C-alpha cells in the first residue's frame, strides 16, 4: 500500500519559507589538519533549504540521507557537493549548512616544553542560492589579556584575564586553522595553554605583564595581520575579555570594510 506523502501536498496559505530543515545534528567528521593531514572530531550540524509557498513541508529525512552519503569528510569542496545535492533532492533554490566543531592543536609549554592539546571552536557556514556559493569560516581562539591602564596606574601588578578572539573570514582558497590561531595568539598579551609547570607559569605571567593589551589593541593587531593575506576576501575580528575586576565583559570588533586602503 502506498503511503500518503503529506509533506508534498499543496499548501494554500501562499507563504514562502526561507529556511526549513534540521538543527543540532551531532555527527562524526574529519577535517583537514596542517600537521597531521586530518583530524577526527564531533560536529553539531544544521542544514536548511528554502520551501516554495505551494509545498506544505520538506522531507526532513533526506537531510540526514545526504549527510550520510558525504559522511565524515568536511572541507569547502565537500560542503559545496553536499549543498548541491540538498538542492537537487529537495527541489530547492537555496541550501545552507552550518558545521560547528571543536578543533585541537598540540601545544608546547614555553619553558618545559610539556605537551598538551588546546581546544579551538570552529564553524563552517556555507550557502548556495541559485548558483552562487558562499563559504564563511570562524575560529574562536582563547587568549590572555593584561590591562595597560591597570599596569600604568598600579604600584603592584595589573589586572589580567582570559579572553577570546573570534575571527570570521571568507577566503579565495583554503587557509589553515593553525595559521589563524597563530595570528591571534601573537596579537594577544600571551597565549593560553592547557598544561603549565611552574617555570612556564612564571614565563607566561611575566610575558603578559611586559605585553599589555586592551581588547581594542588585540582587535586592531589581528585585523592588520589578516589584511596582509591576499587569500582573504573579507573578515571580521571580535575580541571579548572576561574581566577579572568587573561584572561585565570588554568587547571590540572590526571588519575588513573599515580597513580599506
C-alpha atoms as a PDB file:
ATOM      1  CA  UNK A   1       0.000   0.000   0.000  1.00  0.00           C
ATOM      2  CA  UNK A   2       1.378   3.414  -0.978  1.00  0.00           C
ATOM      3  CA  UNK A   3       1.842   5.764   1.953  1.00  0.00           C
ATOM      4  CA  UNK A   4       0.490   9.289   1.711  1.00  0.00           C
ATOM      5  CA  UNK A   5       3.191  11.951   1.100  1.00  0.00           C
ATOM      6  CA  UNK A   6       1.832  14.688   3.349  1.00  0.00           C
ATOM      7  CA  UNK A   7       4.847  16.997   3.008  1.00  0.00           C
ATOM      8  CA  UNK A   8       4.373  17.309  -0.754  1.00  0.00           C
ATOM      9  CA  UNK A   9       0.727  18.237  -0.511  1.00  0.00           C
ATOM     10  CA  UNK A  10      -0.305  21.605  -1.939  1.00  0.00           C
ATOM     11  CA  UNK A  11      -0.464  24.460   0.579  1.00  0.00           C
ATOM     12  CA  UNK A  12      -2.992  27.261   0.082  1.00  0.00           C
ATOM     13  CA  UNK A  13      -1.525  29.821   2.535  1.00  0.00           C
ATOM     14  CA  UNK A  14       0.927  31.161  -0.096  1.00  0.00           C
ATOM     15  CA  UNK A  15       3.813  31.736   2.374  1.00  0.00           C
ATOM     16  CA  UNK A  16       7.392  31.197   1.176  1.00  0.00           C
ATOM     17  CA  UNK A  17       9.805  29.856   3.837  1.00  0.00           C
ATOM     18  CA  UNK A  18      13.445  30.905   3.514  1.00  0.00           C
ATOM     19  CA  UNK A  19      14.769  28.127   5.778  1.00  0.00           C
ATOM     20  CA  UNK A  20      13.389  24.741   6.767  1.00  0.00           C
ATOM     21  CA  UNK A  21      15.465  21.786   7.860  1.00  0.00           C
ATOM     22  CA  UNK A  22      17.195  20.082  10.774  1.00  0.00           C
ATOM     23  CA  UNK A  23      19.213  21.553  13.657  1.00  0.00           C
ATOM     24  CA  UNK A  24      21.555  20.184  16.281  1.00  0.00           C
ATOM     25  CA  UNK A  25      22.621  17.032  14.447  1.00  0.00           C
ATOM     26  CA  UNK A  26      25.628  15.554  16.275  1.00  0.00           C
ATOM     27  CA  UNK A  27      27.875  13.833  13.756  1.00  0.00           C
ATOM     28  CA  UNK A  28      31.444  12.485  13.495  1.00  0.00           C
ATOM     29  CA  UNK A  29      33.507  14.307  10.885  1.00  0.00           C
ATOM     30  CA  UNK A  30      37.082  14.511   9.598  1.00  0.00           C
ATOM     31  CA  UNK A  31      38.630  17.934   8.917  1.00  0.00           C
ATOM     32  CA  UNK A  32      41.971  18.959   7.453  1.00  0.00           C
ATOM     33  CA  UNK A  33      44.873  19.281   9.896  1.00  0.00           C
ATOM     34  CA  UNK A  34      48.031  21.213   8.947  1.00  0.00           C
ATOM     35  CA  UNK A  35      50.364  18.945  10.942  1.00  0.00           C
ATOM     36  CA  UNK A  36      48.756  15.518  10.683  1.00  0.00           C
ATOM     37  CA  UNK A  37      46.825  15.780   7.422  1.00  0.00           C
ATOM     38  CA  UNK A  38      43.429  15.167   9.026  1.00  0.00           C
ATOM     39  CA  UNK A  39      41.703  15.221  12.411  1.00  0.00           C
ATOM     40  CA  UNK A  40      38.611  13.386  13.620  1.00  0.00           C
ATOM     41  CA  UNK A  41      36.132  15.357  15.705  1.00  0.00           C
ATOM     42  CA  UNK A  42      32.427  15.636  16.539  1.00  0.00           C
ATOM     43  CA  UNK A  43      30.349  18.353  14.880  1.00  0.00           C
ATOM     44  CA  UNK A  44      26.988  19.923  15.575  1.00  0.00           C
ATOM     45  CA  UNK A  45      25.346  20.420  12.196  1.00  0.00           C
ATOM     46  CA  UNK A  46      22.383  22.492  10.983  1.00  0.00           C
ATOM     47  CA  UNK A  47      21.054  22.057   7.434  1.00  0.00           C
ATOM     48  CA  UNK A  48      18.344  24.035   5.662  1.00  0.00           C
ATOM     49  CA  UNK A  49      16.704  24.595   2.290  1.00  0.00           C
ATOM     50  CA  UNK A  50      14.046  27.046   1.208  1.00  0.00           C
ATOM     51  CA  UNK A  51      10.441  25.871   0.730  1.00  0.00           C
ATOM     52  CA  UNK A  52       8.196  27.228  -2.039  1.00  0.00           C
ATOM     53  CA  UNK A  53       4.841  28.581  -0.932  1.00  0.00           C
ATOM     54  CA  UNK A  54       2.897  25.798  -2.650  1.00  0.00           C
ATOM     55  CA  UNK A  55       4.510  22.944  -0.637  1.00  0.00           C
ATOM     56  CA  UNK A  56       3.277  22.102   2.858  1.00  0.00           C
ATOM     57  CA  UNK A  57       6.586  20.769   4.150  1.00  0.00           C
ATOM     58  CA  UNK A  58      10.021  19.410   3.309  1.00  0.00           C
ATOM     59  CA  UNK A  59      11.295  15.843   3.696  1.00  0.00           C
ATOM     60  CA  UNK A  60      13.436  16.041   6.830  1.00  0.00           C
ATOM     61  CA  UNK A  61      14.841  12.518   6.462  1.00  0.00           C
ATOM     62  CA  UNK A  62      16.555  13.476   3.216  1.00  0.00           C
ATOM     63  CA  UNK A  63      18.867  15.890   5.026  1.00  0.00           C
ATOM     64  CA  UNK A  64      20.301  13.020   7.035  1.00  0.00           C
ATOM     65  CA  UNK A  65      20.450  10.784   3.967  1.00  0.00           C
ATOM     66  CA  UNK A  66      22.573  13.365   2.143  1.00  0.00           C
ATOM     67  CA  UNK A  67      24.804  13.829   5.193  1.00  0.00           C
ATOM     68  CA  UNK A  68      25.287  10.057   5.394  1.00  0.00           C
ATOM     69  CA  UNK A  69      26.240   9.964   1.719  1.00  0.00           C
ATOM     70  CA  UNK A  70      29.018  12.530   2.242  1.00  0.00           C
ATOM     71  CA  UNK A  71      29.806  11.485   5.807  1.00  0.00           C
ATOM     72  CA  UNK A  72      32.988  12.227   7.699  1.00  0.00           C
ATOM     73  CA  UNK A  73      34.996  14.371   5.269  1.00  0.00           C
ATOM     74  CA  UNK A  74      34.173  18.083   5.707  1.00  0.00           C
ATOM     75  CA  UNK A  75      36.034  20.716   3.675  1.00  0.00           C
ATOM     76  CA  UNK A  76      34.946  23.546   1.317  1.00  0.00           C
ATOM     77  CA  UNK A  77      34.731  21.290  -1.756  1.00  0.00           C
ATOM     78  CA  UNK A  78      32.813  18.591   0.103  1.00  0.00           C
ATOM     79  CA  UNK A  79      30.441  21.160   1.599  1.00  0.00           C
ATOM     80  CA  UNK A  80      29.678  22.520  -1.873  1.00  0.00           C
ATOM     81  CA  UNK A  81      28.824  18.993  -3.049  1.00  0.00           C
ATOM     82  CA  UNK A  82      26.527  18.476  -0.043  1.00  0.00           C
ATOM     83  CA  UNK A  83      24.644  21.701  -0.751  1.00  0.00           C
ATOM     84  CA  UNK A  84      24.167  20.935  -4.442  1.00  0.00           C
ATOM     85  CA  UNK A  85      22.859  17.511  -3.502  1.00  0.00           C
ATOM     86  CA  UNK A  86      20.427  19.028  -0.977  1.00  0.00           C
ATOM     87  CA  UNK A  87      19.136  21.427  -3.628  1.00  0.00           C
ATOM     88  CA  UNK A  88      18.649  18.552  -6.037  1.00  0.00           C
ATOM     89  CA  UNK A  89      16.892  16.035  -3.792  1.00  0.00           C
ATOM     90  CA  UNK A  90      14.680  18.659  -2.137  1.00  0.00           C
ATOM     91  CA  UNK A  91      13.941  20.682  -5.279  1.00  0.00           C
ATOM     92  CA  UNK A  92      15.183  23.902  -3.648  1.00  0.00           C
ATOM     93  CA  UNK A  93      16.771  27.131  -4.851  1.00  0.00           C
ATOM     94  CA  UNK A  94      18.655  27.695  -1.597  1.00  0.00           C
ATOM     95  CA  UNK A  95      20.632  25.284   0.605  1.00  0.00           C
ATOM     96  CA  UNK A  96      22.518  26.106   3.811  1.00  0.00           C
ATOM     97  CA  UNK A  97      24.783  24.138   6.129  1.00  0.00           C
ATOM     98  CA  UNK A  98      26.368  25.177   9.437  1.00  0.00           C
ATOM     99  CA  UNK A  99      29.034  22.899  10.919  1.00  0.00           C
ATOM    100  CA  UNK A 100      30.388  23.730  14.386  1.00  0.00           C
ATOM    101  CA  UNK A 101      33.163  21.561  15.809  1.00  0.00           C
ATOM    102  CA  UNK A 102      35.994  21.521  18.363  1.00  0.00           C
ATOM    103  CA  UNK A 103      39.457  21.519  16.805  1.00  0.00           C
ATOM    104  CA  UNK A 104      42.515  20.502  18.825  1.00  0.00           C
ATOM    105  CA  UNK A 105      46.078  21.712  18.420  1.00  0.00           C
ATOM    106  CA  UNK A 106      49.027  20.226  20.327  1.00  0.00           C
ATOM    107  CA  UNK A 107      50.994  22.961  22.052  1.00  0.00           C
ATOM    108  CA  UNK A 108      54.285  23.050  23.921  1.00  0.00           C
ATOM    109  CA  UNK A 109      54.676  24.974  27.159  1.00  0.00           C
ATOM    110  CA  UNK A 110      57.152  27.842  26.661  1.00  0.00           C
ATOM    111  CA  UNK A 111      59.883  26.684  29.076  1.00  0.00           C
ATOM    112  CA  UNK A 112      59.491  22.995  29.967  1.00  0.00           C
ATOM    113  CA  UNK A 113      58.119  22.121  26.506  1.00  0.00           C
ATOM    114  CA  UNK A 114      55.441  19.967  28.152  1.00  0.00           C
ATOM    115  CA  UNK A 115      52.884  18.994  25.509  1.00  0.00           C
ATOM    116  CA  UNK A 116      49.102  19.216  25.761  1.00  0.00           C
ATOM    117  CA  UNK A 117      46.105  19.780  23.500  1.00  0.00           C
ATOM    118  CA  UNK A 118      44.132  23.026  23.432  1.00  0.00           C
ATOM    119  CA  UNK A 119      40.612  23.238  22.027  1.00  0.00           C
ATOM    120  CA  UNK A 120      39.524  25.858  19.485  1.00  0.00           C
ATOM    121  CA  UNK A 121      35.879  26.230  18.479  1.00  0.00           C
ATOM    122  CA  UNK A 122      35.450  26.372  14.701  1.00  0.00           C
ATOM    123  CA  UNK A 123      32.475  26.848  12.393  1.00  0.00           C
ATOM    124  CA  UNK A 124      31.901  26.396   8.671  1.00  0.00           C
ATOM    125  CA  UNK A 125      28.846  28.251   7.314  1.00  0.00           C
ATOM    126  CA  UNK A 126      28.006  27.738   3.656  1.00  0.00           C
ATOM    127  CA  UNK A 127      25.100  28.646   1.394  1.00  0.00           C
ATOM    128  CA  UNK A 128      24.170  28.077  -2.235  1.00  0.00           C
ATOM    129  CA  UNK A 129      21.445  30.293  -3.686  1.00  0.00           C
ATOM    130  CA  UNK A 130      20.726  29.505  -7.322  1.00  0.00           C
ATOM    131  CA  UNK A 131      24.367  29.093  -8.499  1.00  0.00           C
ATOM    132  CA  UNK A 132      26.137  31.403  -6.003  1.00  0.00           C
ATOM    133  CA  UNK A 133      28.276  29.686  -3.350  1.00  0.00           C
ATOM    134  CA  UNK A 134      29.299  31.484  -0.140  1.00  0.00           C
ATOM    135  CA  UNK A 135      31.582  29.936   2.480  1.00  0.00           C
ATOM    136  CA  UNK A 136      32.435  31.521   5.838  1.00  0.00           C
ATOM    137  CA  UNK A 137      34.906  30.102   8.355  1.00  0.00           C
ATOM    138  CA  UNK A 138      35.017  31.163  12.020  1.00  0.00           C
ATOM    139  CA  UNK A 139      37.735  30.311  14.542  1.00  0.00           C
ATOM    140  CA  UNK A 140      37.449  31.158  18.255  1.00  0.00           C
ATOM    141  CA  UNK A 141      40.838  31.447  19.975  1.00  0.00           C
ATOM    142  CA  UNK A 142      41.194  31.674  23.787  1.00  0.00           C
ATOM    143  CA  UNK A 143      43.824  34.246  24.762  1.00  0.00           C
ATOM    144  CA  UNK A 144      45.251  36.155  27.738  1.00  0.00           C
ATOM    145  CA  UNK A 145      44.936  39.950  28.064  1.00  0.00           C
ATOM    146  CA  UNK A 146      46.567  42.258  30.617  1.00  0.00           C
ATOM    147  CA  UNK A 147      45.166  45.778  31.064  1.00  0.00           C
ATOM    148  CA  UNK A 148      47.608  48.576  30.047  1.00  0.00           C
ATOM    149  CA  UNK A 149      45.739  51.111  32.196  1.00  0.00           C
ATOM    150  CA  UNK A 150      45.871  48.898  35.287  1.00  0.00           C
ATOM    151  CA  UNK A 151      49.584  48.343  34.795  1.00  0.00           C
ATOM    152  CA  UNK A 152      50.236  52.050  34.349  1.00  0.00           C
ATOM    153  CA  UNK A 153      48.390  53.240  37.454  1.00  0.00           C
ATOM    154  CA  UNK A 154      49.130  50.402  39.892  1.00  0.00           C
ATOM    155  CA  UNK A 155      52.171  50.150  42.112  1.00  0.00           C
ATOM    156  CA  UNK A 156      51.910  46.355  42.222  1.00  0.00           C
ATOM    157  CA  UNK A 157      50.620  44.095  39.443  1.00  0.00           C
ATOM    158  CA  UNK A 158      47.897  44.637  36.876  1.00  0.00           C
ATOM    159  CA  UNK A 159      44.531  43.003  36.366  1.00  0.00           C
ATOM    160  CA  UNK A 160      44.580  40.321  33.709  1.00  0.00           C
ATOM    161  CA  UNK A 161      42.129  37.747  32.447  1.00  0.00           C
ATOM    162  CA  UNK A 162      41.206  35.160  29.872  1.00  0.00           C
ATOM    163  CA  UNK A 163      39.621  36.439  26.680  1.00  0.00           C
ATOM    164  CA  UNK A 164      38.516  35.099  23.320  1.00  0.00           C
ATOM    165  CA  UNK A 165      39.134  36.352  19.816  1.00  0.00           C
ATOM    166  CA  UNK A 166      36.734  35.212  17.104  1.00  0.00           C
ATOM    167  CA  UNK A 167      37.927  35.551  13.511  1.00  0.00           C
ATOM    168  CA  UNK A 168      35.349  35.045  10.758  1.00  0.00           C
ATOM    169  CA  UNK A 169      36.511  35.176   7.162  1.00  0.00           C
ATOM    170  CA  UNK A 170      35.774  34.457   3.518  1.00  0.00           C
ATOM    171  CA  UNK A 171      38.796  33.368   1.508  1.00  0.00           C
ATOM    172  CA  UNK A 172      39.696  32.762  -2.124  1.00  0.00           C
ATOM    173  CA  UNK A 173      41.365  29.489  -1.200  1.00  0.00           C
ATOM    174  CA  UNK A 174      41.824  27.347   1.885  1.00  0.00           C
ATOM    175  CA  UNK A 175      43.591  28.846   4.906  1.00  0.00           C
ATOM    176  CA  UNK A 176      44.789  26.595   7.692  1.00  0.00           C
ATOM    177  CA  UNK A 177      43.051  26.978  11.048  1.00  0.00           C
ATOM    178  CA  UNK A 178      46.516  26.858  12.639  1.00  0.00           C
ATOM    179  CA  UNK A 179      47.558  29.995  10.712  1.00  0.00           C
ATOM    180  CA  UNK A 180      44.599  31.974  12.059  1.00  0.00           C
ATOM    181  CA  UNK A 181      45.339  30.741  15.586  1.00  0.00           C
ATOM    182  CA  UNK A 182      48.977  31.826  15.268  1.00  0.00           C
ATOM    183  CA  UNK A 183      47.988  35.348  14.188  1.00  0.00           C
ATOM    184  CA  UNK A 184      45.608  35.751  17.115  1.00  0.00           C
ATOM    185  CA  UNK A 185      47.935  34.347  19.770  1.00  0.00           C
ATOM    186  CA  UNK A 186      50.777  36.614  18.651  1.00  0.00           C
ATOM    187  CA  UNK A 187      48.428  39.607  18.904  1.00  0.00           C
ATOM    188  CA  UNK A 188      47.369  38.875  22.500  1.00  0.00           C
ATOM    189  CA  UNK A 189      49.175  39.691  25.739  1.00  0.00           C
ATOM    190  CA  UNK A 190      50.009  35.969  25.891  1.00  0.00           C
ATOM    191  CA  UNK A 191      48.719  32.657  24.535  1.00  0.00           C
ATOM    192  CA  UNK A 192      46.641  30.221  26.588  1.00  0.00           C
ATOM    193  CA  UNK A 193      47.986  26.751  27.470  1.00  0.00           C
ATOM    194  CA  UNK A 194      46.326  23.638  28.879  1.00  0.00           C
ATOM    195  CA  UNK A 195      49.419  22.455  30.771  1.00  0.00           C
ATOM    196  CA  UNK A 196      51.880  24.764  32.519  1.00  0.00           C
ATOM    197  CA  UNK A 197      54.529  23.820  35.070  1.00  0.00           C
ATOM    198  CA  UNK A 198      55.877  26.433  37.495  1.00  0.00           C
ATOM    199  CA  UNK A 199      58.678  27.709  35.189  1.00  0.00           C
ATOM    200  CA  UNK A 200      56.117  28.021  32.374  1.00  0.00           C
ATOM    201  CA  UNK A 201      53.652  29.865  34.606  1.00  0.00           C
ATOM    202  CA  UNK A 202      56.362  32.344  35.625  1.00  0.00           C
ATOM    203  CA  UNK A 203      57.266  32.901  31.975  1.00  0.00           C
ATOM    204  CA  UNK A 204      53.665  33.437  30.795  1.00  0.00           C
ATOM    205  CA  UNK A 205      52.838  35.763  33.694  1.00  0.00           C
ATOM    206  CA  UNK A 206      55.882  37.952  33.064  1.00  0.00           C
ATOM    207  CA  UNK A 207      55.432  37.816  29.288  1.00  0.00           C
ATOM    208  CA  UNK A 208      51.861  39.122  29.592  1.00  0.00           C
ATOM    209  CA  UNK A 209      52.953  41.833  32.039  1.00  0.00           C
ATOM    210  CA  UNK A 210      55.518  43.058  29.506  1.00  0.00           C
ATOM    211  CA  UNK A 211      52.903  42.934  26.712  1.00  0.00           C
ATOM    212  CA  UNK A 212      49.733  44.694  27.970  1.00  0.00           C
ATOM    213  CA  UNK A 213      46.777  44.806  25.563  1.00  0.00           C
ATOM    214  CA  UNK A 214      43.287  46.274  25.573  1.00  0.00           C
ATOM    215  CA  UNK A 215      40.655  44.362  23.606  1.00  0.00           C
ATOM    216  CA  UNK A 216      40.915  47.266  21.148  1.00  0.00           C
ATOM    217  CA  UNK A 217      44.645  46.597  20.730  1.00  0.00           C
ATOM    218  CA  UNK A 218      44.107  42.906  20.041  1.00  0.00           C
ATOM    219  CA  UNK A 219      41.323  43.565  17.513  1.00  0.00           C
ATOM    220  CA  UNK A 220      43.416  46.090  15.596  1.00  0.00           C
ATOM    221  CA  UNK A 221      46.582  43.980  15.623  1.00  0.00           C
ATOM    222  CA  UNK A 222      44.761  40.864  14.378  1.00  0.00           C
ATOM    223  CA  UNK A 223      42.992  42.881  11.678  1.00  0.00           C
ATOM    224  CA  UNK A 224      46.248  44.365  10.384  1.00  0.00           C
ATOM    225  CA  UNK A 225      47.818  40.898  10.167  1.00  0.00           C
ATOM    226  CA  UNK A 226      44.804  39.495   8.312  1.00  0.00           C
ATOM    227  CA  UNK A 227      44.965  42.402   5.881  1.00  0.00           C
ATOM    228  CA  UNK A 228      48.323  41.052   4.666  1.00  0.00           C
ATOM    229  CA  UNK A 229      46.657  37.841   3.437  1.00  0.00           C
ATOM    230  CA  UNK A 230      45.825  38.131  -0.271  1.00  0.00           C
ATOM    231  CA  UNK A 231      43.773  34.921   0.068  1.00  0.00           C
ATOM    232  CA  UNK A 232      41.226  36.591   2.373  1.00  0.00           C
ATOM    233  CA  UNK A 233      38.321  38.432   0.700  1.00  0.00           C
ATOM    234  CA  UNK A 234      36.562  39.623   3.874  1.00  0.00           C
ATOM    235  CA  UNK A 235      36.984  39.225   7.625  1.00  0.00           C
ATOM    236  CA  UNK A 236      35.546  40.223  10.982  1.00  0.00           C
ATOM    237  CA  UNK A 237      37.528  40.238  14.235  1.00  0.00           C
ATOM    238  CA  UNK A 238      35.714  40.180  17.597  1.00  0.00           C
ATOM    239  CA  UNK A 239      37.514  40.249  20.933  1.00  0.00           C
ATOM    240  CA  UNK A 240      35.772  39.714  24.266  1.00  0.00           C
ATOM    241  CA  UNK A 241      37.594  39.895  27.584  1.00  0.00           C
ATOM    242  CA  UNK A 242      36.103  38.195  30.657  1.00  0.00           C
ATOM    243  CA  UNK A 243      37.078  40.968  33.033  1.00  0.00           C
ATOM    244  CA  UNK A 244      38.567  39.960  36.372  1.00  0.00           C
ATOM    245  CA  UNK A 245      37.642  43.140  38.295  1.00  0.00           C
ATOM    246  CA  UNK A 246      34.320  43.986  36.609  1.00  0.00           C
ATOM    247  CA  UNK A 247      30.944  42.260  36.472  1.00  0.00           C
ATOM    248  CA  UNK A 248      30.822  42.896  32.718  1.00  0.00           C
ATOM    249  CA  UNK A 249      32.975  41.951  29.750  1.00  0.00           C
ATOM    250  CA  UNK A 250      35.007  44.245  27.484  1.00  0.00           C
ATOM    251  CA  UNK A 251      34.407  43.942  23.711  1.00  0.00           C
ATOM    252  CA  UNK A 252      35.841  45.231  20.439  1.00  0.00           C
ATOM    253  CA  UNK A 253      35.020  44.454  16.810  1.00  0.00           C
ATOM    254  CA  UNK A 254      36.447  45.430  13.428  1.00  0.00           C
ATOM    255  CA  UNK A 255      35.792  44.232   9.877  1.00  0.00           C
ATOM    256  CA  UNK A 256      37.883  44.447   6.733  1.00  0.00           C
ATOM    257  CA  UNK A 257      35.412  47.065   5.437  1.00  0.00           C
ATOM    258  CA  UNK A 258      36.879  49.538   7.971  1.00  0.00           C
ATOM    259  CA  UNK A 259      40.458  48.872   6.841  1.00  0.00           C
ATOM    260  CA  UNK A 260      40.163  49.592   3.139  1.00  0.00           C
ATOM    261  CA  UNK A 261      43.098  51.367   1.529  1.00  0.00           C
END
